[in-house]
Amino acid sequence: MIDALVAEGDGYCVRCPETWTQGRTLFGGLQVALMVKAMRDRVPVEVPLRSVQTSFIGPVVPGKLHLRARVLRQGKSVIQAEAQILDGEQVACATLAVFGRARTSAVSLTPPPPIVTRNPQASQQMPFFPGLSPAFTQFVEQRWSHGAMPFCGGAEARTQIHLRFRNEPRVDEFLAIALADAIPSPAISVLRRPAPASSMTWTLELLHDRPQNLTDGYWLMDAKVSAASDGYAYQTATLWSPDLQPVALSRQSTVVFG
């Protein structure tokens, strides 16, 4: 679907099937990946993506999607752009992105490596239940290294999940974006019965010029809920490559109905 995005009029379009939905909307990670792909049509490929800020405004239903993208400002090192997914004349999802060339700096800090409780082979695989599980999860292998699975009454709102897209041996910047949104919120791991949850906003910061892994392997999402009240949960996470290199920092605000 990312490769199938094409220009149409003054925007872009692509068809997305129901198999990539998350409840009544298209999987959020795919929405953002498609919008970044649209922005990439207007931003030089050699300028790395540094951060993406997204607001999930309304449901994006499967079928033919219409997108638009534009550059807001282009400086010597930094390019700021925006993209939207449209529902008629209404904006269903909006993203602001910052692309920036590398520059010389004395500041260089790397997150400490995570303490991995269990390797992928020793971790419990998340089952897929047609009609019950989010449809897109049939394409994602998720193995729980730490924390409870959704709606299992866990003692803490923290999870550590090994994951990868099935049949996707290479992960580029678009698939890295999608992977970073593929896990369920740790907030629903403390619930004892199923309840809806949905992301409202998402900020993703890319830590490398070109996040990619040329060999098949499990990536790692280490996530926790920092605070929650009044039906809203705020979570942070780090995406690690198969060789445990930090790739992206994630922060989401989520509404939880349980």
C-alpha atoms as a PDB file:
ATOM      1  CA  MET A   1       0.000   0.000   0.000  1.00  0.00           C
ATOM      2  CA  ILE A   2       2.847   2.395   0.745  1.00  0.00           C
ATOM      3  CA  ASP A   3       4.397   1.658  -2.652  1.00  0.00           C
ATOM      4  CA  ALA A   4       0.952   1.991  -4.310  1.00  0.00           C
ATOM      5  CA  LEU A   5       0.441   5.620  -3.200  1.00  0.00           C
ATOM      6  CA  VAL A   6       0.136   7.726  -6.368  1.00  0.00           C
ATOM      7  CA  ALA A   7      -0.439  11.359  -7.268  1.00  0.00           C
ATOM      8  CA  GLU A   8      -4.005  12.333  -8.171  1.00  0.00           C
ATOM      9  CA  GLY A   9      -4.903  15.921  -8.971  1.00  0.00           C
ATOM     10  CA  ASP A  10      -3.256  18.147  -6.392  1.00  0.00           C
ATOM     11  CA  GLY A  11      -3.022  15.307  -3.869  1.00  0.00           C
ATOM     12  CA  TYR A  12      -2.496  11.578  -3.555  1.00  0.00           C
ATOM     13  CA  CYS A  13      -4.606   8.453  -3.359  1.00  0.00           C
ATOM     14  CA  VAL A  14      -4.295   4.791  -2.426  1.00  0.00           C
ATOM     15  CA  ARG A  15      -6.652   1.885  -1.755  1.00  0.00           C
ATOM     16  CA  CYS A  16      -6.516   0.193   1.646  1.00  0.00           C
ATOM     17  CA  PRO A  17      -8.480  -2.989   2.422  1.00  0.00           C
ATOM     18  CA  GLU A  18     -10.482  -3.825   5.546  1.00  0.00           C
ATOM     19  CA  THR A  19      -7.784  -6.314   6.548  1.00  0.00           C
ATOM     20  CA  TRP A  20      -5.681  -3.325   7.680  1.00  0.00           C
ATOM     21  CA  THR A  21      -8.259  -1.839  10.038  1.00  0.00           C
ATOM     22  CA  GLN A  22      -8.096  -1.303  13.775  1.00  0.00           C
ATOM     23  CA  GLY A  23     -11.689  -1.282  14.932  1.00  0.00           C
ATOM     24  CA  ARG A  24     -13.636   1.022  12.629  1.00  0.00           C
ATOM     25  CA  THR A  25     -10.589   2.939  11.389  1.00  0.00           C
ATOM     26  CA  LEU A  26      -7.475   2.175   9.379  1.00  0.00           C
ATOM     27  CA  PHE A  27      -4.479   1.108  11.501  1.00  0.00           C
ATOM     28  CA  GLY A  28      -2.930   4.352  12.787  1.00  0.00           C
ATOM     29  CA  GLY A  29       0.661   3.386  12.035  1.00  0.00           C
ATOM     30  CA  LEU A  30      -0.271   2.834   8.399  1.00  0.00           C
ATOM     31  CA  GLN A  31      -2.043   6.192   8.255  1.00  0.00           C
ATOM     32  CA  VAL A  32       1.098   7.995   9.401  1.00  0.00           C
ATOM     33  CA  ALA A  33       3.385   5.951   7.133  1.00  0.00           C
ATOM     34  CA  LEU A  34       1.228   6.871   4.121  1.00  0.00           C
ATOM     35  CA  MET A  35       1.276  10.564   5.033  1.00  0.00           C
ATOM     36  CA  VAL A  36       5.067  10.517   5.417  1.00  0.00           C
ATOM     37  CA  LYS A  37       5.294   8.815   2.011  1.00  0.00           C
ATOM     38  CA  ALA A  38       3.200  11.643   0.538  1.00  0.00           C
ATOM     39  CA  MET A  39       5.477  14.241   2.149  1.00  0.00           C
ATOM     40  CA  ARG A  40       8.502  12.389   0.810  1.00  0.00           C
ATOM     41  CA  ASP A  41       7.277  13.263  -2.689  1.00  0.00           C
ATOM     42  CA  ARG A  42       8.009  16.901  -1.817  1.00  0.00           C
ATOM     43  CA  VAL A  43      11.067  16.497   0.426  1.00  0.00           C
ATOM     44  CA  PRO A  44      14.511  15.430  -0.897  1.00  0.00           C
ATOM     45  CA  VAL A  45      15.159  11.789  -0.079  1.00  0.00           C
ATOM     46  CA  GLU A  46      18.578  12.585   1.358  1.00  0.00           C
ATOM     47  CA  VAL A  47      17.072  14.689   4.167  1.00  0.00           C
ATOM     48  CA  PRO A  48      16.312  12.350   7.110  1.00  0.00           C
ATOM     49  CA  LEU A  49      12.986  12.333   8.916  1.00  0.00           C
ATOM     50  CA  ARG A  50      13.480  13.530  12.496  1.00  0.00           C
ATOM     51  CA  SER A  51      10.023  13.738  14.078  1.00  0.00           C
ATOM     52  CA  VAL A  52       6.326  13.269  13.322  1.00  0.00           C
ATOM     53  CA  GLN A  53       3.396  14.704  15.288  1.00  0.00           C
ATOM     54  CA  THR A  54      -0.018  13.256  14.500  1.00  0.00           C
ATOM     55  CA  SER A  55      -3.584  13.955  15.551  1.00  0.00           C
ATOM     56  CA  PHE A  56      -6.104  11.174  14.899  1.00  0.00           C
ATOM     57  CA  ILE A  57      -9.179  13.338  14.366  1.00  0.00           C
ATOM     58  CA  GLY A  58     -11.779  10.873  13.107  1.00  0.00           C
ATOM     59  CA  PRO A  59     -12.160   7.367  11.688  1.00  0.00           C
ATOM     60  CA  VAL A  60     -10.344   6.666   8.424  1.00  0.00           C
ATOM     61  CA  VAL A  61     -12.484   4.041   6.738  1.00  0.00           C
ATOM     62  CA  PRO A  62     -10.923   1.496   4.355  1.00  0.00           C
ATOM     63  CA  GLY A  63     -11.279   1.926   0.618  1.00  0.00           C
ATOM     64  CA  LYS A  64      -9.858   4.690  -1.531  1.00  0.00           C
ATOM     65  CA  LEU A  65      -8.014   7.233   0.606  1.00  0.00           C
ATOM     66  CA  HIS A  66      -7.330  10.818  -0.447  1.00  0.00           C
ATOM     67  CA  LEU A  67      -4.291  12.609   0.964  1.00  0.00           C
ATOM     68  CA  ARG A  68      -2.650  15.969   0.522  1.00  0.00           C
ATOM     69  CA  ALA A  69       0.802  17.157   1.509  1.00  0.00           C
ATOM     70  CA  ARG A  70       2.803  20.352   1.357  1.00  0.00           C
ATOM     71  CA  VAL A  71       6.069  21.869   2.569  1.00  0.00           C
ATOM     72  CA  LEU A  72       5.498  24.590   5.160  1.00  0.00           C
ATOM     73  CA  ARG A  73       9.038  25.923   5.309  1.00  0.00           C
ATOM     74  CA  GLN A  74      12.407  24.939   3.913  1.00  0.00           C
ATOM     75  CA  GLY A  75      15.518  26.209   5.616  1.00  0.00           C
ATOM     76  CA  LYS A  76      19.199  25.442   5.175  1.00  0.00           C
ATOM     77  CA  SER A  77      19.063  22.311   7.349  1.00  0.00           C
ATOM     78  CA  VAL A  78      15.429  21.765   8.343  1.00  0.00           C
ATOM     79  CA  ILE A  79      12.301  21.221   6.258  1.00  0.00           C
ATOM     80  CA  GLN A  80       8.895  21.279   7.931  1.00  0.00           C
ATOM     81  CA  ALA A  81       5.942  19.702   6.132  1.00  0.00           C
ATOM     82  CA  GLU A  82       2.383  18.624   6.778  1.00  0.00           C
ATOM     83  CA  ALA A  83       0.044  15.978   5.392  1.00  0.00           C
ATOM     84  CA  GLN A  84      -3.604  15.105   5.860  1.00  0.00           C
ATOM     85  CA  ILE A  85      -5.964  12.244   5.145  1.00  0.00           C
ATOM     86  CA  LEU A  86      -9.308  13.560   3.973  1.00  0.00           C
ATOM     87  CA  ASP A  87     -12.868  12.354   4.487  1.00  0.00           C
ATOM     88  CA  GLY A  88     -14.632  14.415   1.848  1.00  0.00           C
ATOM     89  CA  GLU A  89     -13.794  17.984   2.804  1.00  0.00           C
ATOM     90  CA  GLN A  90     -13.106  17.057   6.428  1.00  0.00           C
ATOM     91  CA  VAL A  91      -9.648  16.223   7.796  1.00  0.00           C
ATOM     92  CA  ALA A  92      -9.658  12.750   9.381  1.00  0.00           C
ATOM     93  CA  CYS A  93      -5.953  12.630  10.295  1.00  0.00           C
ATOM     94  CA  ALA A  94      -3.250  15.302  10.277  1.00  0.00           C
ATOM     95  CA  THR A  95       0.515  15.066  10.611  1.00  0.00           C
ATOM     96  CA  LEU A  96       3.330  17.584  10.994  1.00  0.00           C
ATOM     97  CA  ALA A  97       6.817  16.323  10.197  1.00  0.00           C
ATOM     98  CA  VAL A  98      10.326  17.696  10.607  1.00  0.00           C
ATOM     99  CA  PHE A  99      13.058  16.590   8.213  1.00  0.00           C
ATOM    100  CA  GLY A 100      16.601  17.674   9.057  1.00  0.00           C
ATOM    101  CA  ARG A 101      20.083  17.296   7.661  1.00  0.00           C
ATOM    102  CA  ALA A 102      22.809  16.151  10.059  1.00  0.00           C
ATOM    103  CA  ARG A 103      24.869  18.893  11.627  1.00  0.00           C
ATOM    104  CA  THR A 104      28.011  18.991  13.755  1.00  0.00           C
ATOM    105  CA  SER A 105      27.322  18.973  17.500  1.00  0.00           C
ATOM    106  CA  ALA A 106      29.215  18.200  20.683  1.00  0.00           C
ATOM    107  CA  VAL A 107      26.060  16.695  22.198  1.00  0.00           C
ATOM    108  CA  SER A 108      25.690  12.960  21.630  1.00  0.00           C
ATOM    109  CA  LEU A 109      23.505  10.864  23.952  1.00  0.00           C
ATOM    110  CA  THR A 110      22.167   7.362  23.443  1.00  0.00           C
ATOM    111  CA  PRO A 111      19.436   5.701  25.526  1.00  0.00           C
ATOM    112  CA  PRO A 112      20.832   2.870  27.678  1.00  0.00           C
ATOM    113  CA  PRO A 113      20.080  -0.610  26.320  1.00  0.00           C
ATOM    114  CA  PRO A 114      16.940  -2.238  27.721  1.00  0.00           C
ATOM    115  CA  ILE A 115      16.986  -5.157  30.112  1.00  0.00           C
ATOM    116  CA  VAL A 116      15.189  -7.760  28.045  1.00  0.00           C
ATOM    117  CA  THR A 117      13.285 -10.204  30.216  1.00  0.00           C
ATOM    118  CA  ARG A 118      12.918 -12.948  27.597  1.00  0.00           C
ATOM    119  CA  ASN A 119      14.139 -13.396  24.037  1.00  0.00           C
ATOM    120  CA  PRO A 120      11.543 -13.751  21.246  1.00  0.00           C
ATOM    121  CA  GLN A 121      11.657 -17.542  21.190  1.00  0.00           C
ATOM    122  CA  ALA A 122      10.949 -17.748  24.930  1.00  0.00           C
ATOM    123  CA  SER A 123       8.199 -15.109  24.833  1.00  0.00           C
ATOM    124  CA  GLN A 124       4.478 -15.810  24.548  1.00  0.00           C
ATOM    125  CA  GLN A 125       3.006 -15.081  21.131  1.00  0.00           C
ATOM    126  CA  MET A 126      -0.121 -12.953  20.899  1.00  0.00           C
ATOM    127  CA  PRO A 127      -2.870 -15.057  19.243  1.00  0.00           C
ATOM    128  CA  PHE A 128      -5.029 -13.685  16.439  1.00  0.00           C
ATOM    129  CA  PHE A 129      -8.781 -14.203  16.788  1.00  0.00           C
ATOM    130  CA  PRO A 130     -10.683 -13.349  13.570  1.00  0.00           C
ATOM    131  CA  GLY A 131     -13.512 -10.958  14.346  1.00  0.00           C
ATOM    132  CA  LEU A 132     -12.139 -10.131  17.803  1.00  0.00           C
ATOM    133  CA  SER A 133      -8.517  -9.066  17.316  1.00  0.00           C
ATOM    134  CA  PRO A 134      -7.787  -5.836  15.408  1.00  0.00           C
ATOM    135  CA  ALA A 135      -7.737  -6.962  11.769  1.00  0.00           C
ATOM    136  CA  PHE A 136      -4.286  -5.571  10.996  1.00  0.00           C
ATOM    137  CA  THR A 137      -2.659  -7.681  13.729  1.00  0.00           C
ATOM    138  CA  GLN A 138      -2.897 -10.739  11.484  1.00  0.00           C
ATOM    139  CA  PHE A 139       0.104  -9.249   9.665  1.00  0.00           C
ATOM    140  CA  VAL A 140       2.125  -8.540  12.826  1.00  0.00           C
ATOM    141  CA  GLU A 141       3.844 -11.116  14.991  1.00  0.00           C
ATOM    142  CA  GLN A 142       3.922  -9.977  18.630  1.00  0.00           C
ATOM    143  CA  ARG A 143       5.668 -11.867  21.433  1.00  0.00           C
ATOM    144  CA  TRP A 144       5.302 -10.723  25.053  1.00  0.00           C
ATOM    145  CA  SER A 145       8.625 -10.557  26.876  1.00  0.00           C
ATOM    146  CA  HIS A 146       7.296  -8.594  29.860  1.00  0.00           C
ATOM    147  CA  GLY A 147       3.908  -7.507  31.149  1.00  0.00           C
ATOM    148  CA  ALA A 148       0.382  -8.790  30.754  1.00  0.00           C
ATOM    149  CA  MET A 149      -1.497  -9.205  27.499  1.00  0.00           C
ATOM    150  CA  PRO A 150      -4.555  -6.995  26.895  1.00  0.00           C
ATOM    151  CA  PHE A 151      -7.439  -7.343  29.365  1.00  0.00           C
ATOM    152  CA  CYS A 152      -5.562  -9.792  31.599  1.00  0.00           C
ATOM    153  CA  GLY A 153      -5.529  -7.679  34.777  1.00  0.00           C
ATOM    154  CA  GLY A 154      -1.788  -7.030  34.873  1.00  0.00           C
ATOM    155  CA  ALA A 155      -0.147  -5.558  37.941  1.00  0.00           C
ATOM    156  CA  GLU A 156       1.511  -2.724  35.983  1.00  0.00           C
ATOM    157  CA  ALA A 157       0.826  -0.768  32.810  1.00  0.00           C
ATOM    158  CA  ARG A 158       4.136  -1.689  31.186  1.00  0.00           C
ATOM    159  CA  THR A 159       4.913  -4.091  28.368  1.00  0.00           C
ATOM    160  CA  GLN A 160       7.961  -5.259  26.486  1.00  0.00           C
ATOM    161  CA  ILE A 161       7.030  -6.816  23.152  1.00  0.00           C
ATOM    162  CA  HIS A 162       9.129  -8.403  20.411  1.00  0.00           C
ATOM    163  CA  LEU A 163       7.479  -7.779  17.079  1.00  0.00           C
ATOM    164  CA  ARG A 164       7.893  -7.875  13.332  1.00  0.00           C
ATOM    165  CA  PHE A 165       5.770  -7.693  10.225  1.00  0.00           C
ATOM    166  CA  ARG A 166       5.182 -11.106   8.717  1.00  0.00           C
ATOM    167  CA  ASN A 167       6.889 -11.530   5.331  1.00  0.00           C
ATOM    168  CA  GLU A 168       8.667  -8.164   5.561  1.00  0.00           C
ATOM    169  CA  PRO A 169      12.416  -8.889   5.749  1.00  0.00           C
ATOM    170  CA  ARG A 170      13.389  -5.218   5.315  1.00  0.00           C
ATOM    171  CA  VAL A 171      12.237  -2.334   7.499  1.00  0.00           C
ATOM    172  CA  ASP A 172      12.630   1.175   6.062  1.00  0.00           C
ATOM    173  CA  GLU A 173      11.509   4.474   7.571  1.00  0.00           C
ATOM    174  CA  PHE A 174       7.866   3.863   6.599  1.00  0.00           C
ATOM    175  CA  LEU A 175       7.664   0.386   8.139  1.00  0.00           C
ATOM    176  CA  ALA A 176       9.567   1.571  11.219  1.00  0.00           C
ATOM    177  CA  ILE A 177       6.839   4.183  11.719  1.00  0.00           C
ATOM    178  CA  ALA A 178       4.144   1.541  11.413  1.00  0.00           C
ATOM    179  CA  LEU A 179       5.937  -0.875  13.759  1.00  0.00           C
ATOM    180  CA  ALA A 180       6.155   1.812  16.433  1.00  0.00           C
ATOM    181  CA  ASP A 181       2.344   1.981  16.550  1.00  0.00           C
ATOM    182  CA  ALA A 182       1.614  -1.734  16.229  1.00  0.00           C
ATOM    183  CA  ILE A 183       1.452  -2.715  19.905  1.00  0.00           C
ATOM    184  CA  PRO A 184      -1.660  -2.325  22.094  1.00  0.00           C
ATOM    185  CA  SER A 185      -1.554   0.351  24.759  1.00  0.00           C
ATOM    186  CA  PRO A 186      -0.093  -0.937  28.040  1.00  0.00           C
ATOM    187  CA  ALA A 187      -3.094   0.719  29.696  1.00  0.00           C
ATOM    188  CA  ILE A 188      -5.433  -2.057  28.570  1.00  0.00           C
ATOM    189  CA  SER A 189      -3.119  -4.708  30.037  1.00  0.00           C
ATOM    190  CA  VAL A 190      -4.370  -3.790  33.527  1.00  0.00           C
ATOM    191  CA  LEU A 191      -8.032  -4.140  32.548  1.00  0.00           C
ATOM    192  CA  ARG A 192      -9.813  -7.362  33.471  1.00  0.00           C
ATOM    193  CA  ARG A 193     -12.326  -7.331  30.627  1.00  0.00           C
ATOM    194  CA  PRO A 194     -12.344  -6.068  27.021  1.00  0.00           C
ATOM    195  CA  ALA A 195     -12.967  -2.361  26.495  1.00  0.00           C
ATOM    196  CA  PRO A 196     -12.330   0.015  23.599  1.00  0.00           C
ATOM    197  CA  ALA A 197      -9.223   2.188  23.459  1.00  0.00           C
ATOM    198  CA  SER A 198      -8.092   4.664  20.830  1.00  0.00           C
ATOM    199  CA  SER A 199      -5.105   6.929  20.225  1.00  0.00           C
ATOM    200  CA  MET A 200      -5.779  10.671  20.035  1.00  0.00           C
ATOM    201  CA  THR A 201      -2.300  12.067  19.451  1.00  0.00           C
ATOM    202  CA  TRP A 202       1.074  10.518  18.675  1.00  0.00           C
ATOM    203  CA  THR A 203       4.578  11.952  18.575  1.00  0.00           C
ATOM    204  CA  LEU A 204       7.385   9.840  17.105  1.00  0.00           C
ATOM    205  CA  GLU A 205      11.029  10.939  17.080  1.00  0.00           C
ATOM    206  CA  LEU A 206      13.476   9.099  14.819  1.00  0.00           C
ATOM    207  CA  LEU A 207      16.965   8.733  16.286  1.00  0.00           C
ATOM    208  CA  HIS A 208      18.882   7.692  13.159  1.00  0.00           C
ATOM    209  CA  ASP A 209      19.294   9.064   9.654  1.00  0.00           C
ATOM    210  CA  ARG A 210      17.932   5.917   8.048  1.00  0.00           C
ATOM    211  CA  PRO A 211      16.148   3.421  10.319  1.00  0.00           C
ATOM    212  CA  GLN A 212      16.477   0.114   8.556  1.00  0.00           C
ATOM    213  CA  ASN A 213      17.436  -3.473   9.093  1.00  0.00           C
ATOM    214  CA  LEU A 214      18.431  -5.497   6.065  1.00  0.00           C
ATOM    215  CA  THR A 215      17.887  -8.876   7.699  1.00  0.00           C
ATOM    216  CA  ASP A 216      14.770 -10.443   9.135  1.00  0.00           C
ATOM    217  CA  GLY A 217      14.473 -10.168  12.909  1.00  0.00           C
ATOM    218  CA  TYR A 218      12.365  -9.135  15.871  1.00  0.00           C
ATOM    219  CA  TRP A 219      12.187  -5.487  16.841  1.00  0.00           C
ATOM    220  CA  LEU A 220      11.390  -4.506  20.427  1.00  0.00           C
ATOM    221  CA  MET A 221       8.884  -2.029  21.830  1.00  0.00           C
ATOM    222  CA  ASP A 222       9.466  -1.162  25.471  1.00  0.00           C
ATOM    223  CA  ALA A 223       6.380   0.793  26.559  1.00  0.00           C
ATOM    224  CA  LYS A 224       4.783   2.089  29.741  1.00  0.00           C
ATOM    225  CA  VAL A 225       1.905   4.305  30.807  1.00  0.00           C
ATOM    226  CA  SER A 226       3.335   7.349  32.595  1.00  0.00           C
ATOM    227  CA  ALA A 227      -0.011   8.604  33.910  1.00  0.00           C
ATOM    228  CA  ALA A 228      -3.721   7.898  33.531  1.00  0.00           C
ATOM    229  CA  SER A 229      -6.947   9.454  34.840  1.00  0.00           C
ATOM    230  CA  ASP A 230     -10.493  10.326  33.764  1.00  0.00           C
ATOM    231  CA  GLY A 231     -10.380   7.793  30.924  1.00  0.00           C
ATOM    232  CA  TYR A 232      -7.182   9.130  29.362  1.00  0.00           C
ATOM    233  CA  ALA A 233      -3.783   7.422  29.421  1.00  0.00           C
ATOM    234  CA  TYR A 234      -0.389   8.837  28.472  1.00  0.00           C
ATOM    235  CA  GLN A 235       2.271   6.394  27.362  1.00  0.00           C
ATOM    236  CA  THR A 236       5.906   6.472  26.327  1.00  0.00           C
ATOM    237  CA  ALA A 237       7.886   3.848  24.448  1.00  0.00           C
ATOM    238  CA  THR A 238      11.193   3.175  22.742  1.00  0.00           C
ATOM    239  CA  LEU A 239      11.562   1.196  19.528  1.00  0.00           C
ATOM    240  CA  TRP A 240      14.705  -0.950  19.381  1.00  0.00           C
ATOM    241  CA  SER A 241      16.127  -2.652  16.291  1.00  0.00           C
ATOM    242  CA  PRO A 242      16.805  -6.425  16.251  1.00  0.00           C
ATOM    243  CA  ASP A 243      20.387  -5.714  17.365  1.00  0.00           C
ATOM    244  CA  LEU A 244      19.000  -3.513  20.205  1.00  0.00           C
ATOM    245  CA  GLN A 245      19.935  -0.151  18.736  1.00  0.00           C
ATOM    246  CA  PRO A 246      17.512   2.661  19.702  1.00  0.00           C
ATOM    247  CA  VAL A 247      15.520   3.684  16.638  1.00  0.00           C
ATOM    248  CA  ALA A 248      12.641   5.887  17.809  1.00  0.00           C
ATOM    249  CA  LEU A 249      11.018   7.484  20.845  1.00  0.00           C
ATOM    250  CA  SER A 250       7.226   7.391  20.988  1.00  0.00           C
ATOM    251  CA  ARG A 251       4.652   9.242  23.058  1.00  0.00           C
ATOM    252  CA  GLN A 252       0.896   8.791  22.757  1.00  0.00           C
ATOM    253  CA  SER A 253      -2.216  10.114  24.432  1.00  0.00           C
ATOM    254  CA  THR A 254      -4.944   7.473  24.445  1.00  0.00           C
ATOM    255  CA  VAL A 255      -8.577   7.360  25.471  1.00  0.00           C
ATOM    256  CA  VAL A 256      -9.537   4.198  27.374  1.00  0.00           C
ATOM    257  CA  PHE A 257     -13.209   3.374  27.847  1.00  0.00           C
ATOM    258  CA  GLY A 258     -12.775   0.620  30.430  1.00  0.00           C
END
